C-alpha atoms as a PDB file:
ATOM      1  CA  MET A   1      91.887  97.034  80.843  1.00  0.00           C
ATOM      2  CA  ILE A   2      95.427  95.827  80.243  1.00  0.00           C
ATOM      3  CA  VAL A   3      96.423  96.655  83.817  1.00  0.00           C
ATOM      4  CA  ALA A   4      93.406  94.720  85.103  1.00  0.00           C
ATOM      5  CA  LYS A   5      94.280  91.733  82.914  1.00  0.00           C
ATOM      6  CA  ARG A   6      97.901  91.813  84.092  1.00  0.00           C
ATOM      7  CA  GLN A   7      96.738  91.824  87.727  1.00  0.00           C
ATOM      8  CA  LEU A   8      94.371  88.927  87.071  1.00  0.00           C
ATOM      9  CA  LEU A   9      97.096  86.891  85.349  1.00  0.00           C
ATOM     10  CA  ASP A  10      99.495  87.533  88.236  1.00  0.00           C
ATOM     11  CA  ASP A  11      96.848  86.298  90.655  1.00  0.00           C
ATOM     12  CA  VAL A  12      96.139  83.246  88.476  1.00  0.00           C
ATOM     13  CA  ARG A  13      99.858  82.407  88.419  1.00  0.00           C
ATOM     14  CA  ASN A  14      99.945  82.604  92.199  1.00  0.00           C
ATOM     15  CA  LEU A  15      97.118  80.051  92.376  1.00  0.00           C
ATOM     16  CA  GLN A  16      98.371  77.655  89.699  1.00  0.00           C
ATOM     17  CA  SER A  17     100.996  77.353  86.994  1.00  0.00           C
ATOM     18  CA  THR A  18      98.811  78.192  83.998  1.00  0.00           C
ATOM     19  CA  HIS A  19     100.328  80.280  81.215  1.00  0.00           C
ATOM     20  CA  ILE A  20      98.048  82.779  79.544  1.00  0.00           C
ATOM     21  CA  PRO A  21      99.405  85.351  77.062  1.00  0.00           C
ATOM     22  CA  GLU A  22     100.174  88.729  78.577  1.00  0.00           C
ATOM     23  CA  ARG A  23     100.145  90.771  75.434  1.00  0.00           C
ATOM     24  CA  ARG A  24      97.924  90.797  72.393  1.00  0.00           C
ATOM     25  CA  ASP A  25      98.563  93.035  69.418  1.00  0.00           C
ATOM     26  CA  GLY A  26      96.920  93.500  66.059  1.00  0.00           C
ATOM     27  CA  GLU A  27      93.314  93.547  64.972  1.00  0.00           C
ATOM     28  CA  ALA A  28      90.568  92.962  67.516  1.00  0.00           C
ATOM     29  CA  ARG A  29      93.064  93.453  70.338  1.00  0.00           C
ATOM     30  CA  ALA A  30      90.350  94.198  72.890  1.00  0.00           C
ATOM     31  CA  VAL A  31      88.470  91.048  71.947  1.00  0.00           C
ATOM     32  CA  LYS A  32      91.649  88.970  72.350  1.00  0.00           C
ATOM     33  CA  ILE A  33      92.307  90.509  75.775  1.00  0.00           C
ATOM     34  CA  VAL A  34      88.793  89.663  76.927  1.00  0.00           C
ATOM     35  CA  ASP A  35      89.163  86.155  75.489  1.00  0.00           C
ATOM     36  CA  ASP A  36      92.350  85.699  77.562  1.00  0.00           C
ATOM     37  CA  ILE A  37      90.409  86.727  80.665  1.00  0.00           C
ATOM     38  CA  PHE A  38      87.770  84.084  79.844  1.00  0.00           C
ATOM     39  CA  VAL A  39      90.550  81.489  79.458  1.00  0.00           C
ATOM     40  CA  ALA A  40      91.933  82.404  82.891  1.00  0.00           C
ATOM     41  CA  ASP A  41      88.459  82.223  84.396  1.00  0.00           C
ATOM     42  CA  THR A  42      87.819  78.827  82.798  1.00  0.00           C
ATOM     43  CA  CYS A  43      91.142  77.419  84.044  1.00  0.00           C
ATOM     44  CA  LEU A  44      90.435  78.522  87.582  1.00  0.00           C
ATOM     45  CA  ASP A  45      86.881  77.224  87.437  1.00  0.00           C
ATOM     46  CA  GLU A  46      87.973  73.811  86.132  1.00  0.00           C
ATOM     47  CA  ASN A  47      90.532  73.530  88.946  1.00  0.00           C
ATOM     48  CA  LEU A  48      88.018  74.680  91.590  1.00  0.00           C
ATOM     49  CA  LYS A  49      90.176  77.696  92.443  1.00  0.00           C
ATOM     50  CA  LEU A  50      87.872  80.480  91.274  1.00  0.00           C
ATOM     51  CA  ALA A  51      86.801  81.268  94.839  1.00  0.00           C
ATOM     52  CA  ASP A  52      90.477  81.649  95.821  1.00  0.00           C
ATOM     53  CA  LEU A  53      90.918  84.795  93.711  1.00  0.00           C
ATOM     54  CA  PRO A  54      91.160  88.041  95.660  1.00  0.00           C
ATOM     55  CA  LYS A  55      88.186  90.398  95.536  1.00  0.00           C
ATOM     56  CA  TYR A  56      88.665  93.235  93.061  1.00  0.00           C
ATOM     57  CA  VAL A  57      87.161  96.666  93.636  1.00  0.00           C
ATOM     58  CA  ALA A  58      87.372 100.086  92.001  1.00  0.00           C
ATOM     59  CA  GLN A  59      88.497 103.106  93.978  1.00  0.00           C
ATOM     60  CA  SER A  60      85.713 105.133  92.439  1.00  0.00           C
ATOM     61  CA  PRO A  61      82.942 104.660  89.870  1.00  0.00           C
ATOM     62  CA  ASP A  62      84.907 106.982  87.575  1.00  0.00           C
ATOM     63  CA  ALA A  63      87.619 104.303  87.356  1.00  0.00           C
ATOM     64  CA  MET A  64      85.168 101.721  86.006  1.00  0.00           C
ATOM     65  CA  PRO A  65      84.747 101.128  82.250  1.00  0.00           C
ATOM     66  CA  SER A  66      81.902 102.955  80.611  1.00  0.00           C
ATOM     67  CA  LEU A  67      79.044 101.268  78.803  1.00  0.00           C
ATOM     68  CA  ARG A  68      80.438 102.663  75.577  1.00  0.00           C
ATOM     69  CA  LEU A  69      83.642 100.689  76.110  1.00  0.00           C
ATOM     70  CA  GLU A  70      81.647  97.504  76.439  1.00  0.00           C
ATOM     71  CA  LYS A  71      79.928  98.247  73.155  1.00  0.00           C
ATOM     72  CA  ASP A  72      83.298  98.938  71.526  1.00  0.00           C
ATOM     73  CA  LEU A  73      84.486  95.467  72.538  1.00  0.00           C
ATOM     74  CA  SER A  74      82.240  93.921  69.922  1.00  0.00           C
ATOM     75  CA  THR A  75      79.907  92.400  72.449  1.00  0.00           C
ATOM     76  CA  MET A  76      78.215  90.297  69.813  1.00  0.00           C
ATOM     77  CA  THR A  77      81.529  88.690  68.877  1.00  0.00           C
ATOM     78  CA  LEU A  78      82.139  87.771  72.493  1.00  0.00           C
ATOM     79  CA  PHE A  79      78.702  86.198  72.813  1.00  0.00           C
ATOM     80  CA  GLU A  80      79.294  84.234  69.619  1.00  0.00           C
ATOM     81  CA  ARG A  81      82.573  82.885  71.017  1.00  0.00           C
ATOM     82  CA  MET A  82      80.927  81.993  74.301  1.00  0.00           C
ATOM     83  CA  GLU A  83      78.125  80.238  72.420  1.00  0.00           C
ATOM     84  CA  GLY A  84      80.727  78.268  70.457  1.00  0.00           C
ATOM     85  CA  ARG A  85      82.460  77.207  73.657  1.00  0.00           C
ATOM     86  CA  ILE A  86      79.157  76.163  75.219  1.00  0.00           C
ATOM     87  CA  ASP A  87      78.308  74.152  72.107  1.00  0.00           C
ATOM     88  CA  GLN A  88      81.727  72.431  72.242  1.00  0.00           C
ATOM     89  CA  SER A  89      81.280  71.684  75.929  1.00  0.00           C
ATOM     90  CA  GLU A  90      77.840  70.218  75.349  1.00  0.00           C
ATOM     91  CA  ALA A  91      79.189  68.108  72.480  1.00  0.00           C
ATOM     92  CA  LEU A  92      81.836  66.635  74.793  1.00  0.00           C
ATOM     93  CA  ASN A  93      79.249  65.673  77.371  1.00  0.00           C
END
């Protein structure tokens, strides 16, 4: 996942000058990495550059994350964060 995040951040930098952390250590590291990816996605979306990202593909299905990995990422925590962001967005509007 870290390689994928690094590639995404490189592509984001090529599209705009947004700084997003490249390394996250400590507890809940996977959750922080996914949160950084959401930040990159949000920045691109807000600047109408999301469609300018290259298309990403896997060389084989074996190279794709398993469902177990998704579960290990504390999916509920991610949904709670997304819900919080949606609530903040709605409060601003």
